[in-house]
Protein backbone atom coordinates (compact mmCIF):
# COMPACT_ATOMS: atom_id res chain seq x y z
CA UNK A 1 78.72 153.88 32.49
CA UNK A 2 75.44 155.18 32.27
CA UNK A 3 76.03 156.16 28.07
CA UNK A 4 77.48 152.70 27.25
CA UNK A 5 74.71 151.46 28.82
CA UNK A 6 72.20 153.85 27.18
CA UNK A 7 74.16 153.17 23.71
CA UNK A 8 73.74 149.59 24.48
CA UNK A 9 70.07 149.24 24.94
CA UNK A 10 69.91 151.60 21.86
CA UNK A 11 72.19 149.12 19.55
CA UNK A 12 70.35 146.26 20.98
CA UNK A 13 67.21 146.94 20.27
CA UNK A 14 68.17 147.96 16.75
CA UNK A 15 70.10 145.29 16.23
CA UNK A 16 67.77 142.11 18.14
CA UNK A 17 64.21 143.94 18.44
CA UNK A 18 63.54 145.67 15.04
CA UNK A 19 65.53 143.00 12.79
CA UNK A 20 69.04 145.18 12.58
CA UNK A 21 70.76 141.59 12.69
CA UNK A 22 68.57 140.70 9.36
CA UNK A 23 70.68 143.07 7.84
CA UNK A 24 73.87 142.31 9.28
CA UNK A 25 74.20 138.48 8.08
CA UNK A 26 72.92 139.93 4.42
CA UNK A 27 75.97 141.89 4.57
CA UNK A 28 78.05 139.03 5.78
CA UNK A 29 77.03 136.62 3.41
CA UNK A 30 77.57 139.17 0.51
CA UNK A 31 80.90 140.36 1.96
CA UNK A 32 81.54 136.60 1.91
CA UNK A 33 80.09 135.97 -1.49
CA UNK A 34 82.36 139.03 -3.39
CA UNK A 35 85.31 137.75 -1.79
CA UNK A 36 85.13 133.75 -2.71
CA UNK A 37 83.72 133.82 -6.03
CA UNK A 38 85.94 136.85 -6.36
CA UNK A 39 89.08 135.02 -5.33
CA UNK A 40 87.99 132.14 -7.79
CA UNK A 41 87.85 133.75 -10.50
CA UNK A 42 91.75 135.29 -9.55
CA UNK A 43 92.97 131.81 -9.52
CA UNK A 44 91.52 131.31 -12.94
CA UNK A 45 92.70 134.31 -14.43
CA UNK A 46 96.13 134.24 -12.69
CA UNK A 47 96.79 130.79 -13.51
CA UNK A 48 96.55 131.32 -17.22
CA UNK A 49 98.21 134.71 -17.11
CA UNK A 50 101.14 132.98 -15.53
CA UNK A 51 101.49 130.58 -17.82
CA UNK A 52 101.21 132.32 -20.15
CA UNK A 53 104.06 134.04 -18.75
CA UNK A 54 106.20 131.67 -18.61
CA UNK A 55 106.25 130.01 -21.60
CA UNK A 56 108.83 130.02 -24.33
CA UNK A 57 108.16 133.12 -26.41
CA UNK A 58 109.76 131.92 -29.75
CA UNK A 59 105.46 132.28 -30.78
CA UNK A 60 104.54 136.27 -31.80
CA UNK A 61 100.74 135.28 -30.38
CA UNK A 62 102.37 134.43 -27.47
CA UNK A 63 104.63 137.58 -27.37
CA UNK A 64 101.57 139.88 -28.02
CA UNK A 65 99.93 137.77 -25.30
CA UNK A 66 102.53 138.09 -22.59
CA UNK A 67 102.09 142.16 -23.30
CA UNK A 68 98.43 142.16 -23.44
CA UNK A 69 99.17 140.71 -20.03
CA UNK A 70 101.52 142.96 -18.17
CA UNK A 71 99.41 145.35 -19.20
CA UNK A 72 96.42 144.12 -17.90
CA UNK A 73 98.26 143.62 -14.75
CA UNK A 74 99.69 147.39 -14.18
CA UNK A 75 96.70 148.59 -14.38
CA UNK A 76 94.65 146.18 -11.72
CA UNK A 77 98.29 146.30 -9.07
CA UNK A 78 98.56 150.53 -10.00
CA UNK A 79 94.90 151.58 -8.99
CA UNK A 80 92.75 151.96 -5.97
CA UNK A 81 89.94 149.12 -6.19
CA UNK A 82 87.25 151.99 -5.35
CA UNK A 83 88.86 152.81 -8.42
CA UNK A 84 88.23 150.05 -10.14
CA UNK A 85 84.59 149.45 -8.78
CA UNK A 86 83.46 153.06 -9.96
CA UNK A 87 84.87 153.23 -13.27
CA UNK A 88 83.06 149.79 -13.90
CA UNK A 89 79.99 150.57 -12.37
CA UNK A 90 79.58 154.56 -13.54
CA UNK A 91 81.55 153.91 -16.48
CA UNK A 92 81.87 151.41 -18.33
CA UNK A 93 78.48 149.29 -18.05
CA UNK A 94 76.77 153.18 -19.18
CA UNK A 95 79.34 153.28 -22.12
CA UNK A 96 78.51 149.53 -23.15
CA UNK A 97 74.39 149.97 -22.49
CA UNK A 98 74.67 147.43 -20.00
CA UNK A 99 72.71 147.08 -16.45
CA UNK A 100 74.02 144.81 -14.25
CA UNK A 101 73.43 143.85 -10.20
CA UNK A 102 75.85 145.88 -8.18
CA UNK A 103 77.34 142.45 -6.75
CA UNK A 104 77.43 141.05 -10.26
CA UNK A 105 80.06 143.90 -10.41
CA UNK A 106 81.81 143.70 -7.94
CA UNK A 107 82.33 140.03 -8.20
CA UNK A 108 83.60 140.80 -11.61
CA UNK A 109 85.99 143.23 -10.36
CA UNK A 110 87.03 141.63 -7.35
CA UNK A 111 87.99 138.69 -9.52
CA UNK A 112 89.72 140.55 -12.52
CA UNK A 113 91.72 142.11 -9.55
CA UNK A 114 92.73 139.12 -7.87
CA UNK A 115 93.69 137.82 -11.17
CA UNK A 116 96.11 140.36 -11.43
CA UNK A 117 98.10 139.53 -7.80
CA UNK A 118 97.61 135.58 -8.42
CA UNK A 119 98.81 135.74 -11.92
CA UNK A 120 102.48 137.42 -10.11
CA UNK A 121 101.91 134.50 -6.62
CA UNK A 122 101.53 131.92 -9.56
CA UNK A 123 104.12 132.83 -11.51
CA UNK A 124 106.26 132.27 -9.04
CA UNK A 125 105.04 129.08 -7.85
CA UNK A 126 105.49 127.93 -10.96
CA UNK A 127 109.15 128.99 -10.93
CA UNK A 128 109.78 127.59 -7.67
CA UNK A 129 109.13 124.16 -9.17
CA UNK A 130 111.98 122.00 -10.27
CA UNK A 131 112.34 123.02 -14.26
CA UNK A 132 113.23 118.94 -14.79
CA UNK A 133 109.62 118.46 -13.46
CA UNK A 134 108.49 120.19 -17.01
CA UNK A 135 111.23 118.89 -18.66
CA UNK A 136 110.42 115.00 -17.74
CA UNK A 137 106.98 115.68 -18.75
CA UNK A 138 107.54 116.81 -21.98
CA UNK A 139 110.41 114.13 -21.87
CA UNK A 140 107.26 111.48 -22.19
CA UNK A 141 105.14 113.13 -24.65
CA UNK A 142 103.27 115.61 -22.83
CA UNK A 143 102.48 118.49 -24.79
CA UNK A 144 103.69 122.33 -22.86
CA UNK A 145 100.51 122.98 -21.24
CA UNK A 146 98.34 119.41 -20.13
CA UNK A 147 102.27 119.20 -18.82
CA UNK A 148 101.85 122.22 -17.12
CA UNK A 149 98.47 121.39 -15.85
CA UNK A 150 98.82 118.27 -14.76
CA UNK A 151 102.60 118.26 -13.12
CA UNK A 152 103.23 121.69 -12.39
CA UNK A 153 100.50 123.51 -11.36
CA UNK A 154 99.48 121.62 -8.95
CA UNK A 155 102.67 121.52 -7.11
CA UNK A 156 102.87 125.12 -7.21
CA UNK A 157 99.48 125.59 -5.87
CA UNK A 158 101.66 123.98 -2.68
CA UNK A 159 103.87 126.20 -2.45
CA UNK A 160 102.34 129.51 -2.98
CA UNK A 161 99.43 128.00 -0.46
CA UNK A 162 100.21 130.35 1.80
CA UNK A 163 100.00 133.29 -0.21
CA UNK A 164 96.74 132.80 -1.64
CA UNK A 165 95.32 132.42 1.61
CA UNK A 166 96.64 135.79 2.53
CA UNK A 167 94.85 137.44 -0.82
CA UNK A 168 91.55 135.59 -0.11
CA UNK A 169 92.07 138.16 3.69
CA UNK A 170 92.93 141.08 2.14
CA UNK A 171 89.51 140.39 -0.55
CA UNK A 172 87.26 140.02 2.61
CA UNK A 173 89.27 143.25 4.05
CA UNK A 174 88.44 144.98 1.04
CA UNK A 175 85.19 144.56 0.45
CA UNK A 176 84.42 147.16 2.12
CA UNK A 177 84.53 149.41 -0.46
CA UNK A 178 81.97 148.07 -2.39
CA UNK A 179 79.19 150.42 -0.86
CA UNK A 180 80.74 152.88 -3.55
CA UNK A 181 78.31 151.36 -5.52
CA UNK A 182 75.07 150.75 -2.94
CA UNK A 183 76.06 147.31 -2.66
CA UNK A 184 75.04 146.46 1.09
CA UNK A 185 78.20 144.54 2.34
CA UNK A 186 79.00 143.59 6.11
CA UNK A 187 80.53 147.65 6.59
CA UNK A 188 77.24 149.24 5.03
CA UNK A 189 74.70 147.24 6.99
CA UNK A 190 76.58 147.20 10.38
CA UNK A 191 76.27 151.66 9.05
CA UNK A 192 73.33 151.77 8.57
CA UNK A 193 72.18 150.45 12.23
CA UNK A 194 74.08 153.06 13.29
CA UNK A 195 72.55 155.95 10.73
CA UNK A 196 69.11 154.49 12.40
CA UNK A 197 70.11 155.39 15.99
CA UNK A 198 72.88 157.82 15.42
CA UNK A 199 74.86 155.69 17.65
CA UNK A 200 78.47 154.83 15.97
CA UNK A 201 80.64 153.16 18.78
CA UNK A 202 78.98 149.58 18.98
CA UNK A 203 77.98 148.64 15.91
CA UNK A 204 81.32 149.49 14.60
CA UNK A 205 83.19 147.73 17.22
CA UNK A 206 80.83 144.79 16.34
CA UNK A 207 81.52 145.82 12.58
CA UNK A 208 86.03 145.17 13.31
CA UNK A 209 84.99 142.37 15.58
CA UNK A 210 82.54 140.25 13.25
CA UNK A 211 86.15 141.14 10.26
CA UNK A 212 88.60 139.87 13.13
CA UNK A 213 86.57 136.52 13.13
CA UNK A 214 86.15 135.92 9.44
CA UNK A 215 89.75 136.78 9.28
CA UNK A 216 91.36 134.08 12.03
CA UNK A 217 88.48 131.64 10.72
CA UNK A 218 90.42 132.08 6.84
CA UNK A 219 93.57 131.73 8.65
CA UNK A 220 92.74 128.45 11.03
CA UNK A 221 91.26 127.00 7.60
CA UNK A 222 95.05 127.56 5.59
CA UNK A 223 96.92 126.38 8.04
CA UNK A 224 94.98 123.21 8.16
CA UNK A 225 95.39 123.28 4.86
CA UNK A 226 99.14 123.33 4.77
CA UNK A 227 99.30 120.55 7.77
CA UNK A 228 97.59 118.11 5.96
CA UNK A 229 99.94 119.03 2.67
CA UNK A 230 102.50 117.86 4.78
CA UNK A 231 101.60 115.43 5.95
CA UNK A 232 100.32 113.84 2.61
CA UNK A 233 104.01 114.51 1.94
CA UNK A 234 105.34 112.59 4.80
CA UNK A 235 103.15 109.50 3.56
CA UNK A 236 104.18 109.43 -0.07
């Protein structure tokens, strides 16, 4: 009991008195920034890739694009996130002679990684929409791309919303590896608090609680969005 009380006093002093909470808040902001922007990039890339995958393969350019998309998806789904971060920051950027902020690199890599997964999610969502919807759009004179973007994509997003939510949750948790390229995220922030005191129990317990609260909050938002979509369907 005494050791726990002592650990709490040390943690409180480092967290509050010495301003460790500032590092934790900055780490929290960085974690959310990487996850949110990574998902936005992923949705954009994933949607484009899914459209290429479902397009008729009559055109040779579409066939080539489909092969390129397969290679892209295969690489980012087949290698660990941390390896992609290390390759991007320590190999690719030096080869190109480009210097960039580590957070920007993390956002780009997370976006590229998410795009590979979202493309498969979006493709499944597109294929879940009745083909007659696309045919009806084409019948009234809409070209393929406008028909997909205006008719099919909105319906597919409604179908895949829970899966997109799960992808966002995965991104939030996977941000814990960005410290490999010297990004101070949530995990790195709480580890630095533990490093300063050599007392790791409370910092890591608090770290787990913060991640849990983030995930529960995102889950709650997804359920709210699903409920609203169902309500809108009933009123249509």
